[in-house]
Amino acid sequence: MTQISYCPICRKNVMTNRGKFSYLLAFLLALTGIGLIIYILHYIDRKPNHCVHCGTVCQVPKLENQIEHEVYQKESIVTKKINYCPYCGEQLEREYAKFCYKCGSKI
């Protein structure tokens, strides 16, 4: 069973699958008795929503323009740099201050 879902790590729509049920393995495990039951429960427990590339749990498939918009939003986040005076350790009021207002030293 194969599905297409959006992988947040790969940032694209990828194929996801659960894997095929192995009838040969099931037959061999049936000879051991309880092995077949354990294999069936393990197969049912596997979800078909993991990325085939990185193994991450995927989300609902997205359109290509939605993916590009999300990537643009993540890259356009600007972090504000907080400056401190190297002499007294006081936080500067402006990002490009030339003098410390507390100790008066030149930065």
PDB file of N, CA and C in Angstrom:
ATOM      1  N   MET A   1       0.845  -1.172   0.000  1.00  0.00           N
ATOM      2  CA  MET A   1       0.000   0.000   0.000  1.00  0.00           C
ATOM      3  C   MET A   1       0.889   1.234   0.000  1.00  0.00           C
ATOM      4  N   THR A   2       0.702   2.099  -0.952  1.00  0.00           N
ATOM      5  CA  THR A   2       1.532   3.286  -1.087  1.00  0.00           C
ATOM      6  C   THR A   2       0.661   4.528  -1.054  1.00  0.00           C
ATOM      7  N   GLN A   3       1.133   5.551  -0.361  1.00  0.00           N
ATOM      8  CA  GLN A   3       0.451   6.830  -0.301  1.00  0.00           C
ATOM      9  C   GLN A   3       1.454   7.933  -0.588  1.00  0.00           C
ATOM     10  N   ILE A   4       0.927   9.117  -0.895  1.00  0.00           N
ATOM     11  CA  ILE A   4       1.772  10.291  -1.047  1.00  0.00           C
ATOM     12  C   ILE A   4       1.390  11.260   0.056  1.00  0.00           C
ATOM     13  N   SER A   5       2.384  11.699   0.814  1.00  0.00           N
ATOM     14  CA  SER A   5       2.167  12.632   1.916  1.00  0.00           C
ATOM     15  C   SER A   5       3.293  13.649   1.931  1.00  0.00           C
ATOM     16  N   TYR A   6       3.100  14.730   2.702  1.00  0.00           N
ATOM     17  CA  TYR A   6       4.098  15.786   2.811  1.00  0.00           C
ATOM     18  C   TYR A   6       5.030  15.492   3.980  1.00  0.00           C
ATOM     19  N   CYS A   7       6.322  15.469   3.701  1.00  0.00           N
ATOM     20  CA  CYS A   7       7.323  15.240   4.747  1.00  0.00           C
ATOM     21  C   CYS A   7       7.887  16.594   5.188  1.00  0.00           C
ATOM     22  N   PRO A   8       7.749  16.960   6.479  1.00  0.00           N
ATOM     23  CA  PRO A   8       8.258  18.253   6.940  1.00  0.00           C
ATOM     24  C   PRO A   8       9.785  18.329   6.962  1.00  0.00           C
ATOM     25  N   ILE A   9      10.466  17.209   7.046  1.00  0.00           N
ATOM     26  CA  ILE A   9      11.927  17.211   7.053  1.00  0.00           C
ATOM     27  C   ILE A   9      12.461  17.371   5.633  1.00  0.00           C
ATOM     28  N   CYS A  10      11.924  16.597   4.687  1.00  0.00           N
ATOM     29  CA  CYS A  10      12.364  16.672   3.296  1.00  0.00           C
ATOM     30  C   CYS A  10      11.782  17.884   2.576  1.00  0.00           C
ATOM     31  N   ARG A  11      10.727  18.470   3.126  1.00  0.00           N
ATOM     32  CA  ARG A  11      10.033  19.635   2.559  1.00  0.00           C
ATOM     33  C   ARG A  11       9.511  19.368   1.156  1.00  0.00           C
ATOM     34  N   LYS A  12       8.919  18.201   0.958  1.00  0.00           N
ATOM     35  CA  LYS A  12       8.293  17.879  -0.330  1.00  0.00           C
ATOM     36  C   LYS A  12       7.327  16.722  -0.135  1.00  0.00           C
ATOM     37  N   ASN A  13       6.481  16.521  -1.142  1.00  0.00           N
ATOM     38  CA  ASN A  13       5.576  15.385  -1.125  1.00  0.00           C
ATOM     39  C   ASN A  13       6.376  14.131  -1.454  1.00  0.00           C
ATOM     40  N   VAL A  14       6.247  13.112  -0.616  1.00  0.00           N
ATOM     41  CA  VAL A  14       7.021  11.885  -0.788  1.00  0.00           C
ATOM     42  C   VAL A  14       6.093  10.681  -0.742  1.00  0.00           C
ATOM     43  N   MET A  15       6.601   9.560  -1.204  1.00  0.00           N
ATOM     44  CA  MET A  15       5.870   8.306  -1.139  1.00  0.00           C
ATOM     45  C   MET A  15       6.003   7.748   0.279  1.00  0.00           C
ATOM     46  N   THR A  16       4.923   7.196   0.773  1.00  0.00           N
ATOM     47  CA  THR A  16       4.946   6.524   2.068  1.00  0.00           C
ATOM     48  C   THR A  16       4.362   5.134   1.880  1.00  0.00           C
ATOM     49  N   ASN A  17       4.839   4.210   2.657  1.00  0.00           N
ATOM     50  CA  ASN A  17       4.268   2.874   2.570  1.00  0.00           C
ATOM     51  C   ASN A  17       4.409   2.130   3.876  1.00  0.00           C
ATOM     52  N   ARG A  18       3.669   1.077   3.987  1.00  0.00           N
ATOM     53  CA  ARG A  18       3.691   0.226   5.157  1.00  0.00           C
ATOM     54  C   ARG A  18       4.566  -0.986   4.904  1.00  0.00           C
ATOM     55  N   GLY A  19       4.713  -1.364   3.680  1.00  0.00           N
ATOM     56  CA  GLY A  19       5.456  -2.562   3.330  1.00  0.00           C
ATOM     57  C   GLY A  19       4.501  -3.663   2.890  1.00  0.00           C
ATOM     58  N   LYS A  20       5.013  -4.644   2.209  1.00  0.00           N
ATOM     59  CA  LYS A  20       4.181  -5.738   1.715  1.00  0.00           C
ATOM     60  C   LYS A  20       4.089  -6.846   2.753  1.00  0.00           C
ATOM     61  N   PHE A  21       2.967  -7.506   2.742  1.00  0.00           N
ATOM     62  CA  PHE A  21       2.766  -8.655   3.625  1.00  0.00           C
ATOM     63  C   PHE A  21       3.463  -9.850   2.987  1.00  0.00           C
ATOM     64  N   SER A  22       4.354 -10.462   3.690  1.00  0.00           N
ATOM     65  CA  SER A  22       5.109 -11.591   3.168  1.00  0.00           C
ATOM     66  C   SER A  22       4.367 -12.895   3.482  1.00  0.00           C
ATOM     67  N   TYR A  23       3.798 -13.498   2.455  1.00  0.00           N
ATOM     68  CA  TYR A  23       3.059 -14.743   2.647  1.00  0.00           C
ATOM     69  C   TYR A  23       3.997 -15.913   2.958  1.00  0.00           C
ATOM     70  N   LEU A  24       5.183 -15.885   2.379  1.00  0.00           N
ATOM     71  CA  LEU A  24       6.151 -16.947   2.658  1.00  0.00           C
ATOM     72  C   LEU A  24       6.571 -16.917   4.130  1.00  0.00           C
ATOM     73  N   LEU A  25       6.869 -15.735   4.628  1.00  0.00           N
ATOM     74  CA  LEU A  25       7.232 -15.596   6.035  1.00  0.00           C
ATOM     75  C   LEU A  25       6.062 -15.987   6.936  1.00  0.00           C
ATOM     76  N   ALA A  26       4.852 -15.599   6.544  1.00  0.00           N
ATOM     77  CA  ALA A  26       3.671 -15.957   7.328  1.00  0.00           C
ATOM     78  C   ALA A  26       3.499 -17.477   7.377  1.00  0.00           C
ATOM     79  N   PHE A  27       3.740 -18.154   6.259  1.00  0.00           N
ATOM     80  CA  PHE A  27       3.624 -19.615   6.225  1.00  0.00           C
ATOM     81  C   PHE A  27       4.668 -20.263   7.129  1.00  0.00           C
ATOM     82  N   LEU A  28       5.897 -19.770   7.064  1.00  0.00           N
ATOM     83  CA  LEU A  28       6.955 -20.340   7.906  1.00  0.00           C
ATOM     84  C   LEU A  28       6.692 -20.082   9.389  1.00  0.00           C
ATOM     85  N   LEU A  29       6.172 -18.910   9.720  1.00  0.00           N
ATOM     86  CA  LEU A  29       5.869 -18.598  11.111  1.00  0.00           C
ATOM     87  C   LEU A  29       4.646 -19.364  11.604  1.00  0.00           C
ATOM     88  N   ALA A  30       3.762 -19.744  10.683  1.00  0.00           N
ATOM     89  CA  ALA A  30       2.598 -20.541  11.069  1.00  0.00           C
ATOM     90  C   ALA A  30       3.034 -21.911  11.573  1.00  0.00           C
ATOM     91  N   LEU A  31       4.167 -22.395  11.081  1.00  0.00           N
ATOM     92  CA  LEU A  31       4.671 -23.688  11.535  1.00  0.00           C
ATOM     93  C   LEU A  31       5.150 -23.635  12.982  1.00  0.00           C
ATOM     94  N   THR A  32       5.540 -22.439  13.440  1.00  0.00           N
ATOM     95  CA  THR A  32       6.010 -22.311  14.822  1.00  0.00           C
ATOM     96  C   THR A  32       4.860 -22.118  15.798  1.00  0.00           C
ATOM     97  N   GLY A  33       3.693 -21.842  15.307  1.00  0.00           N
ATOM     98  CA  GLY A  33       2.532 -21.675  16.179  1.00  0.00           C
ATOM     99  C   GLY A  33       2.195 -20.222  16.407  1.00  0.00           C
ATOM    100  N   ILE A  34       2.700 -19.622  17.442  1.00  0.00           N
ATOM    101  CA  ILE A  34       2.348 -18.250  17.830  1.00  0.00           C
ATOM    102  C   ILE A  34       3.058 -17.202  16.976  1.00  0.00           C
ATOM    103  N   GLY A  35       4.058 -17.603  16.222  1.00  0.00           N
ATOM    104  CA  GLY A  35       4.814 -16.655  15.393  1.00  0.00           C
ATOM    105  C   GLY A  35       3.955 -15.954  14.372  1.00  0.00           C
ATOM    106  N   LEU A  36       2.982 -16.640  13.791  1.00  0.00           N
ATOM    107  CA  LEU A  36       2.098 -16.031  12.793  1.00  0.00           C
ATOM    108  C   LEU A  36       1.258 -14.930  13.420  1.00  0.00           C
ATOM    109  N   ILE A  37       0.754 -15.149  14.602  1.00  0.00           N
ATOM    110  CA  ILE A  37      -0.066 -14.136  15.278  1.00  0.00           C
ATOM    111  C   ILE A  37       0.762 -12.890  15.576  1.00  0.00           C
ATOM    112  N   ILE A  38       1.981 -13.092  16.029  1.00  0.00           N
ATOM    113  CA  ILE A  38       2.865 -11.960  16.323  1.00  0.00           C
ATOM    114  C   ILE A  38       3.180 -11.187  15.043  1.00  0.00           C
ATOM    115  N   TYR A  39       3.423 -11.894  13.934  1.00  0.00           N
ATOM    116  CA  TYR A  39       3.731 -11.229  12.664  1.00  0.00           C
ATOM    117  C   TYR A  39       2.530 -10.433  12.160  1.00  0.00           C
ATOM    118  N   ILE A  40       1.346 -10.991  12.267  1.00  0.00           N
ATOM    119  CA  ILE A  40       0.148 -10.277  11.807  1.00  0.00           C
ATOM    120  C   ILE A  40      -0.084  -9.034  12.658  1.00  0.00           C
ATOM    121  N   LEU A  41       0.055  -9.146  13.966  1.00  0.00           N
ATOM    122  CA  LEU A  41      -0.108  -7.971  14.831  1.00  0.00           C
ATOM    123  C   LEU A  41       0.938  -6.904  14.541  1.00  0.00           C
ATOM    124  N   HIS A  42       2.155  -7.323  14.253  1.00  0.00           N
ATOM    125  CA  HIS A  42       3.216  -6.371  13.897  1.00  0.00           C
ATOM    126  C   HIS A  42       2.903  -5.678  12.572  1.00  0.00           C
ATOM    127  N   TYR A  43       2.395  -6.421  11.607  1.00  0.00           N
ATOM    128  CA  TYR A  43       2.070  -5.837  10.303  1.00  0.00           C
ATOM    129  C   TYR A  43       0.910  -4.854  10.424  1.00  0.00           C
ATOM    130  N   ILE A  44      -0.091  -5.187  11.209  1.00  0.00           N
ATOM    131  CA  ILE A  44      -1.233  -4.293  11.391  1.00  0.00           C
ATOM    132  C   ILE A  44      -0.816  -3.023  12.116  1.00  0.00           C
ATOM    133  N   ASP A  45       0.119  -3.128  13.033  1.00  0.00           N
ATOM    134  CA  ASP A  45       0.565  -1.981  13.819  1.00  0.00           C
ATOM    135  C   ASP A  45       1.355  -0.967  12.997  1.00  0.00           C
ATOM    136  N   ARG A  46       1.984  -1.402  11.928  1.00  0.00           N
ATOM    137  CA  ARG A  46       2.764  -0.475  11.093  1.00  0.00           C
ATOM    138  C   ARG A  46       1.836   0.488  10.371  1.00  0.00           C
ATOM    139  N   LYS A  47       2.176   1.758  10.411  1.00  0.00           N
ATOM    140  CA  LYS A  47       1.369   2.792   9.766  1.00  0.00           C
ATOM    141  C   LYS A  47       1.969   3.163   8.419  1.00  0.00           C
ATOM    142  N   PRO A  48       1.125   3.401   7.409  1.00  0.00           N
ATOM    143  CA  PRO A  48       1.651   3.796   6.096  1.00  0.00           C
ATOM    144  C   PRO A  48       1.873   5.295   5.980  1.00  0.00           C
ATOM    145  N   ASN A  49       2.357   5.930   7.025  1.00  0.00           N
ATOM    146  CA  ASN A  49       2.538   7.374   6.975  1.00  0.00           C
ATOM    147  C   ASN A  49       3.956   7.800   7.301  1.00  0.00           C
ATOM    148  N   HIS A  50       4.928   6.950   7.023  1.00  0.00           N
ATOM    149  CA  HIS A  50       6.328   7.299   7.260  1.00  0.00           C
ATOM    150  C   HIS A  50       7.023   7.557   5.924  1.00  0.00           C
ATOM    151  N   CYS A  51       7.854   8.565   5.899  1.00  0.00           N
ATOM    152  CA  CYS A  51       8.599   8.926   4.691  1.00  0.00           C
ATOM    153  C   CYS A  51       9.550   7.791   4.322  1.00  0.00           C
ATOM    154  N   VAL A  52       9.616   7.470   3.031  1.00  0.00           N
ATOM    155  CA  VAL A  52      10.505   6.397   2.594  1.00  0.00           C
ATOM    156  C   VAL A  52      11.966   6.846   2.612  1.00  0.00           C
ATOM    157  N   HIS A  53      12.230   8.153   2.673  1.00  0.00           N
ATOM    158  CA  HIS A  53      13.604   8.660   2.657  1.00  0.00           C
ATOM    159  C   HIS A  53      14.190   8.802   4.062  1.00  0.00           C
ATOM    160  N   CYS A  54      13.431   9.457   4.966  1.00  0.00           N
ATOM    161  CA  CYS A  54      13.985   9.745   6.287  1.00  0.00           C
ATOM    162  C   CYS A  54      13.231   9.072   7.431  1.00  0.00           C
ATOM    163  N   GLY A  55      12.094   8.475   7.169  1.00  0.00           N
ATOM    164  CA  GLY A  55      11.352   7.763   8.195  1.00  0.00           C
ATOM    165  C   GLY A  55      10.510   8.638   9.101  1.00  0.00           C
ATOM    166  N   THR A  56      10.377   9.916   8.781  1.00  0.00           N
ATOM    167  CA  THR A  56       9.596  10.839   9.585  1.00  0.00           C
ATOM    168  C   THR A  56       8.107  10.626   9.333  1.00  0.00           C
ATOM    169  N   VAL A  57       7.300  10.882  10.354  1.00  0.00           N
ATOM    170  CA  VAL A  57       5.856  10.797  10.189  1.00  0.00           C
ATOM    171  C   VAL A  57       5.416  11.953   9.295  1.00  0.00           C
ATOM    172  N   CYS A  58       4.680  11.634   8.245  1.00  0.00           N
ATOM    173  CA  CYS A  58       4.282  12.630   7.253  1.00  0.00           C
ATOM    174  C   CYS A  58       2.916  13.210   7.566  1.00  0.00           C
ATOM    175  N   GLN A  59       2.605  14.312   6.881  1.00  0.00           N
ATOM    176  CA  GLN A  59       1.346  15.017   7.056  1.00  0.00           C
ATOM    177  C   GLN A  59       0.520  14.877   5.779  1.00  0.00           C
ATOM    178  N   VAL A  60      -0.601  15.569   5.732  1.00  0.00           N
ATOM    179  CA  VAL A  60      -1.474  15.564   4.560  1.00  0.00           C
ATOM    180  C   VAL A  60      -0.706  16.140   3.369  1.00  0.00           C
ATOM    181  N   PRO A  61      -0.875  15.576   2.148  1.00  0.00           N
ATOM    182  CA  PRO A  61      -0.160  16.113   0.986  1.00  0.00           C
ATOM    183  C   PRO A  61      -0.511  17.570   0.734  1.00  0.00           C
ATOM    184  N   LYS A  62       0.475  18.337   0.282  1.00  0.00           N
ATOM    185  CA  LYS A  62       0.280  19.766   0.025  1.00  0.00           C
ATOM    186  C   LYS A  62       0.564  20.071  -1.435  1.00  0.00           C
ATOM    187  N   LEU A  63       0.016  21.178  -1.907  1.00  0.00           N
ATOM    188  CA  LEU A  63       0.292  21.646  -3.255  1.00  0.00           C
ATOM    189  C   LEU A  63       1.682  22.265  -3.298  1.00  0.00           C
ATOM    190  N   GLU A  64       2.270  22.320  -4.473  1.00  0.00           N
ATOM    191  CA  GLU A  64       3.643  22.836  -4.610  1.00  0.00           C
ATOM    192  C   GLU A  64       3.759  24.290  -4.173  1.00  0.00           C
ATOM    193  N   ASN A  65       2.750  25.134  -4.475  1.00  0.00           N
ATOM    194  CA  ASN A  65       2.851  26.540  -4.075  1.00  0.00           C
ATOM    195  C   ASN A  65       2.745  26.700  -2.564  1.00  0.00           C
ATOM    196  N   GLN A  66       2.044  25.786  -1.857  1.00  0.00           N
ATOM    197  CA  GLN A  66       1.993  25.829  -0.403  1.00  0.00           C
ATOM    198  C   GLN A  66       3.361  25.502   0.185  1.00  0.00           C
ATOM    199  N   ILE A  67       4.056  24.560  -0.410  1.00  0.00           N
ATOM    200  CA  ILE A  67       5.376  24.164   0.078  1.00  0.00           C
ATOM    201  C   ILE A  67       6.357  25.313  -0.075  1.00  0.00           C
ATOM    202  N   GLU A  68       6.357  25.968  -1.246  1.00  0.00           N
ATOM    203  CA  GLU A  68       7.273  27.091  -1.473  1.00  0.00           C
ATOM    204  C   GLU A  68       6.979  28.235  -0.513  1.00  0.00           C
ATOM    205  N   HIS A  69       5.690  28.495  -0.228  1.00  0.00           N
ATOM    206  CA  HIS A  69       5.314  29.575   0.679  1.00  0.00           C
ATOM    207  C   HIS A  69       5.811  29.288   2.090  1.00  0.00           C
ATOM    208  N   GLU A  70       5.692  28.048   2.557  1.00  0.00           N
ATOM    209  CA  GLU A  70       6.171  27.702   3.891  1.00  0.00           C
ATOM    210  C   GLU A  70       7.684  27.836   3.997  1.00  0.00           C
ATOM    211  N   VAL A  71       8.403  27.414   2.973  1.00  0.00           N
ATOM    212  CA  VAL A  71       9.861  27.530   2.981  1.00  0.00           C
ATOM    213  C   VAL A  71      10.258  28.995   3.021  1.00  0.00           C
ATOM    214  N   TYR A  72       9.561  29.852   2.266  1.00  0.00           N
ATOM    215  CA  TYR A  72       9.863  31.272   2.254  1.00  0.00           C
ATOM    216  C   TYR A  72       9.614  31.889   3.627  1.00  0.00           C
ATOM    217  N   GLN A  73       8.522  31.491   4.292  1.00  0.00           N
ATOM    218  CA  GLN A  73       8.224  32.038   5.612  1.00  0.00           C
ATOM    219  C   GLN A  73       9.293  31.639   6.620  1.00  0.00           C
ATOM    220  N   LYS A  74       9.761  30.402   6.570  1.00  0.00           N
ATOM    221  CA  LYS A  74      10.769  29.951   7.529  1.00  0.00           C
ATOM    222  C   LYS A  74      12.100  30.656   7.314  1.00  0.00           C
ATOM    223  N   GLU A  75      12.444  30.951   6.063  1.00  0.00           N
ATOM    224  CA  GLU A  75      13.727  31.594   5.776  1.00  0.00           C
ATOM    225  C   GLU A  75      13.682  33.098   6.007  1.00  0.00           C
ATOM    226  N   SER A  76      12.483  33.710   6.026  1.00  0.00           N
ATOM    227  CA  SER A  76      12.393  35.157   6.153  1.00  0.00           C
ATOM    228  C   SER A  76      12.284  35.610   7.604  1.00  0.00           C
ATOM    229  N   ILE A  77      12.308  34.695   8.548  1.00  0.00           N
ATOM    230  CA  ILE A  77      12.243  35.085   9.956  1.00  0.00           C
ATOM    231  C   ILE A  77      13.567  35.749  10.338  1.00  0.00           C
ATOM    232  N   VAL A  78      13.474  36.952  10.872  1.00  0.00           N
ATOM    233  CA  VAL A  78      14.659  37.720  11.249  1.00  0.00           C
ATOM    234  C   VAL A  78      14.734  37.754  12.772  1.00  0.00           C
ATOM    235  N   THR A  79      15.872  37.381  13.287  1.00  0.00           N
ATOM    236  CA  THR A  79      16.043  37.424  14.734  1.00  0.00           C
ATOM    237  C   THR A  79      16.676  38.760  15.123  1.00  0.00           C
ATOM    238  N   LYS A  80      16.174  39.335  16.184  1.00  0.00           N
ATOM    239  CA  LYS A  80      16.694  40.613  16.660  1.00  0.00           C
ATOM    240  C   LYS A  80      17.912  40.347  17.532  1.00  0.00           C
ATOM    241  N   LYS A  81      18.988  41.013  17.222  1.00  0.00           N
ATOM    242  CA  LYS A  81      20.224  40.852  17.973  1.00  0.00           C
ATOM    243  C   LYS A  81      20.211  41.806  19.160  1.00  0.00           C
ATOM    244  N   ILE A  82      20.440  41.279  20.333  1.00  0.00           N
ATOM    245  CA  ILE A  82      20.485  42.091  21.543  1.00  0.00           C
ATOM    246  C   ILE A  82      21.947  42.314  21.891  1.00  0.00           C
ATOM    247  N   ASN A  83      22.319  43.576  21.975  1.00  0.00           N
ATOM    248  CA  ASN A  83      23.705  43.932  22.276  1.00  0.00           C
ATOM    249  C   ASN A  83      23.855  44.290  23.743  1.00  0.00           C
ATOM    250  N   TYR A  84      25.019  43.962  24.283  1.00  0.00           N
ATOM    251  CA  TYR A  84      25.365  44.297  25.660  1.00  0.00           C
ATOM    252  C   TYR A  84      26.681  45.043  25.656  1.00  0.00           C
ATOM    253  N   CYS A  85      26.854  45.898  26.643  1.00  0.00           N
ATOM    254  CA  CYS A  85      28.094  46.642  26.784  1.00  0.00           C
ATOM    255  C   CYS A  85      29.187  45.668  27.219  1.00  0.00           C
ATOM    256  N   PRO A  86      30.344  45.674  26.533  1.00  0.00           N
ATOM    257  CA  PRO A  86      31.413  44.753  26.909  1.00  0.00           C
ATOM    258  C   PRO A  86      32.098  45.127  28.230  1.00  0.00           C
ATOM    259  N   TYR A  87      31.886  46.347  28.707  1.00  0.00           N
ATOM    260  CA  TYR A  87      32.569  46.798  29.923  1.00  0.00           C
ATOM    261  C   TYR A  87      31.718  46.614  31.181  1.00  0.00           C
ATOM    262  N   CYS A  88      30.445  47.029  31.122  1.00  0.00           N
ATOM    263  CA  CYS A  88      29.605  46.931  32.322  1.00  0.00           C
ATOM    264  C   CYS A  88      28.521  45.857  32.204  1.00  0.00           C
ATOM    265  N   GLY A  89      28.262  45.335  31.013  1.00  0.00           N
ATOM    266  CA  GLY A  89      27.286  44.276  30.812  1.00  0.00           C
ATOM    267  C   GLY A  89      25.850  44.743  30.709  1.00  0.00           C
ATOM    268  N   GLU A  90      25.628  46.039  30.647  1.00  0.00           N
ATOM    269  CA  GLU A  90      24.273  46.588  30.547  1.00  0.00           C
ATOM    270  C   GLU A  90      23.732  46.376  29.129  1.00  0.00           C
ATOM    271  N   GLN A  91      22.429  46.075  29.039  1.00  0.00           N
ATOM    272  CA  GLN A  91      21.811  45.895  27.725  1.00  0.00           C
ATOM    273  C   GLN A  91      21.652  47.254  27.050  1.00  0.00           C
ATOM    274  N   LEU A  92      22.074  47.324  25.790  1.00  0.00           N
ATOM    275  CA  LEU A  92      21.999  48.578  25.054  1.00  0.00           C
ATOM    276  C   LEU A  92      20.593  48.790  24.526  1.00  0.00           C
ATOM    277  N   GLU A  93      20.148  50.048  24.509  1.00  0.00           N
ATOM    278  CA  GLU A  93      18.793  50.359  24.075  1.00  0.00           C
ATOM    279  C   GLU A  93      18.638  50.215  22.569  1.00  0.00           C
ATOM    280  N   ARG A  94      19.638  50.590  21.820  1.00  0.00           N
ATOM    281  CA  ARG A  94      19.570  50.505  20.364  1.00  0.00           C
ATOM    282  C   ARG A  94      20.538  49.445  19.875  1.00  0.00           C
ATOM    283  N   GLU A  95      20.221  48.891  18.725  1.00  0.00           N
ATOM    284  CA  GLU A  95      21.057  47.822  18.181  1.00  0.00           C
ATOM    285  C   GLU A  95      22.418  48.344  17.731  1.00  0.00           C
ATOM    286  N   TYR A  96      22.447  49.574  17.199  1.00  0.00           N
ATOM    287  CA  TYR A  96      23.699  50.134  16.679  1.00  0.00           C
ATOM    288  C   TYR A  96      24.187  51.298  17.537  1.00  0.00           C
ATOM    289  N   ALA A  97      24.136  51.138  18.852  1.00  0.00           N
ATOM    290  CA  ALA A  97      24.574  52.192  19.758  1.00  0.00           C
ATOM    291  C   ALA A  97      26.096  52.315  19.704  1.00  0.00           C
ATOM    292  N   LYS A  98      26.579  53.569  19.819  1.00  0.00           N
ATOM    293  CA  LYS A  98      28.018  53.810  19.784  1.00  0.00           C
ATOM    294  C   LYS A  98      28.602  53.991  21.176  1.00  0.00           C
ATOM    295  N   PHE A  99      27.744  54.382  22.148  1.00  0.00           N
ATOM    296  CA  PHE A  99      28.188  54.585  23.514  1.00  0.00           C
ATOM    297  C   PHE A  99      27.228  53.891  24.463  1.00  0.00           C
ATOM    298  N   CYS A 100      27.765  53.419  25.592  1.00  0.00           N
ATOM    299  CA  CYS A 100      26.915  52.834  26.633  1.00  0.00           C
ATOM    300  C   CYS A 100      26.333  53.962  27.456  1.00  0.00           C
ATOM    301  N   TYR A 101      25.023  53.946  27.667  1.00  0.00           N
ATOM    302  CA  TYR A 101      24.392  55.043  28.415  1.00  0.00           C
ATOM    303  C   TYR A 101      24.674  54.941  29.912  1.00  0.00           C
ATOM    304  N   LYS A 102      25.067  53.763  30.414  1.00  0.00           N
ATOM    305  CA  LYS A 102      25.314  53.602  31.833  1.00  0.00           C
ATOM    306  C   LYS A 102      26.734  54.000  32.233  1.00  0.00           C
ATOM    307  N   CYS A 103      27.733  53.415  31.538  1.00  0.00           N
ATOM    308  CA  CYS A 103      29.125  53.696  31.922  1.00  0.00           C
ATOM    309  C   CYS A 103      29.796  54.723  31.008  1.00  0.00           C
ATOM    310  N   GLY A 104      29.187  55.006  29.854  1.00  0.00           N
ATOM    311  CA  GLY A 104      29.722  56.023  28.955  1.00  0.00           C
ATOM    312  C   GLY A 104      30.877  55.553  28.084  1.00  0.00           C
ATOM    313  N   SER A 105      31.191  54.279  28.097  1.00  0.00           N
ATOM    314  CA  SER A 105      32.304  53.783  27.295  1.00  0.00           C
ATOM    315  C   SER A 105      31.905  53.663  25.824  1.00  0.00           C
ATOM    316  N   LYS A 106      32.920  53.828  24.961  1.00  0.00           N
ATOM    317  CA  LYS A 106      32.695  53.721  23.529  1.00  0.00           C
ATOM    318  C   LYS A 106      32.672  52.240  23.126  1.00  0.00           C
ATOM    319  N   ILE A 107      31.680  51.872  22.335  1.00  0.00           N
ATOM    320  CA  ILE A 107      31.516  50.471  21.928  1.00  0.00           C
ATOM    321  C   ILE A 107      32.043  50.279  20.515  1.00  0.00           C
TER     322      ILE A 107
END
